[in-house]
Protein backbone atom coordinates (compact mmCIF):
# COMPACT_ATOMS: atom_id res chain seq x y z
CA MET A 1 100.62 108.17 60.49
CA ALA A 2 98.98 111.54 61.13
CA LYS A 3 96.26 111.64 63.80
CA SER A 4 94.21 114.04 61.69
CA VAL A 5 94.29 115.92 58.42
CA VAL A 6 93.09 119.41 57.57
CA ILE A 7 90.05 119.16 55.33
CA ASP A 8 89.05 122.84 55.34
CA GLU A 9 89.98 126.22 56.79
CA LEU A 10 87.54 129.05 57.38
CA HIS A 11 88.59 132.66 57.85
CA VAL A 12 86.64 135.55 59.35
CA THR A 13 87.37 139.06 58.12
CA VAL A 14 86.46 141.97 60.38
CA ARG A 15 86.05 145.34 58.69
CA VAL A 16 85.34 148.79 60.08
CA PRO A 17 84.28 151.90 58.18
CA ALA A 18 87.22 153.73 56.59
CA GLY A 19 86.49 156.98 58.39
CA LEU A 20 86.06 155.48 61.85
CA PRO A 21 87.82 157.65 64.45
CA ASP A 22 90.99 156.15 65.88
CA GLU A 23 89.56 155.74 69.38
CA TYR A 24 86.68 153.64 68.05
CA ALA A 25 88.96 151.56 65.85
CA GLU A 26 91.21 150.95 68.86
CA ALA A 27 88.18 149.87 70.92
CA VAL A 28 87.31 147.37 68.19
CA ARG A 29 90.88 146.04 68.18
CA ASP A 30 90.85 145.72 71.97
CA ALA A 31 87.55 143.80 71.91
CA LEU A 32 88.81 141.44 69.21
CA ALA A 33 92.08 140.84 71.06
CA GLY A 34 90.36 140.10 74.37
CA THR A 35 89.93 136.63 75.77
CA ALA A 36 86.18 137.20 76.22
CA PHE A 37 85.70 137.60 72.46
CA MET A 38 87.74 134.49 71.65
CA ASP A 39 85.87 132.50 74.31
CA ARG A 40 82.50 133.54 72.88
CA LEU A 41 83.65 132.84 69.33
CA ARG A 42 84.90 129.40 70.37
CA GLN A 43 81.53 128.67 72.03
CA ALA A 44 79.68 129.76 68.88
CA VAL A 45 81.80 127.53 66.65
CA ARG A 46 81.37 124.62 69.06
CA ALA A 47 77.57 125.09 68.99
CA ALA A 48 77.54 125.26 65.20
CA VAL A 49 79.62 122.08 64.89
CA ARG A 50 77.42 120.23 67.39
CA ALA A 51 74.31 121.18 65.38
CA PHE A 52 75.46 118.88 62.58
CA PRO A 53 75.67 115.18 63.57
CA GLU A 54 77.85 114.45 60.54
CA LEU A 55 80.55 116.63 62.15
CA ALA A 56 80.65 114.59 65.38
CA ALA A 57 84.18 113.34 64.68
CA VAL A 58 85.50 116.77 63.73
CA ARG A 59 88.12 118.49 65.88
CA PHE A 60 88.56 122.22 65.46
CA SER A 61 90.97 124.84 66.67
CA LEU A 62 90.53 128.57 66.79
CA THR A 63 93.68 130.62 66.37
CA ARG A 64 94.60 134.21 65.73
């Protein structure tokens, strides 16, 4: 028997202005690809989940 089942998936879409210069777009990509961003995002999701007692049994994963 499965240890858990997927009940929902949430996706985040990151958009930049169409005319953004390449060097700025690359800086955005670098920030998003960095471990610091993923760590902060994971902390934010963890805090949001903990704010709702009904989600106490929930396990989440954050992937790219």
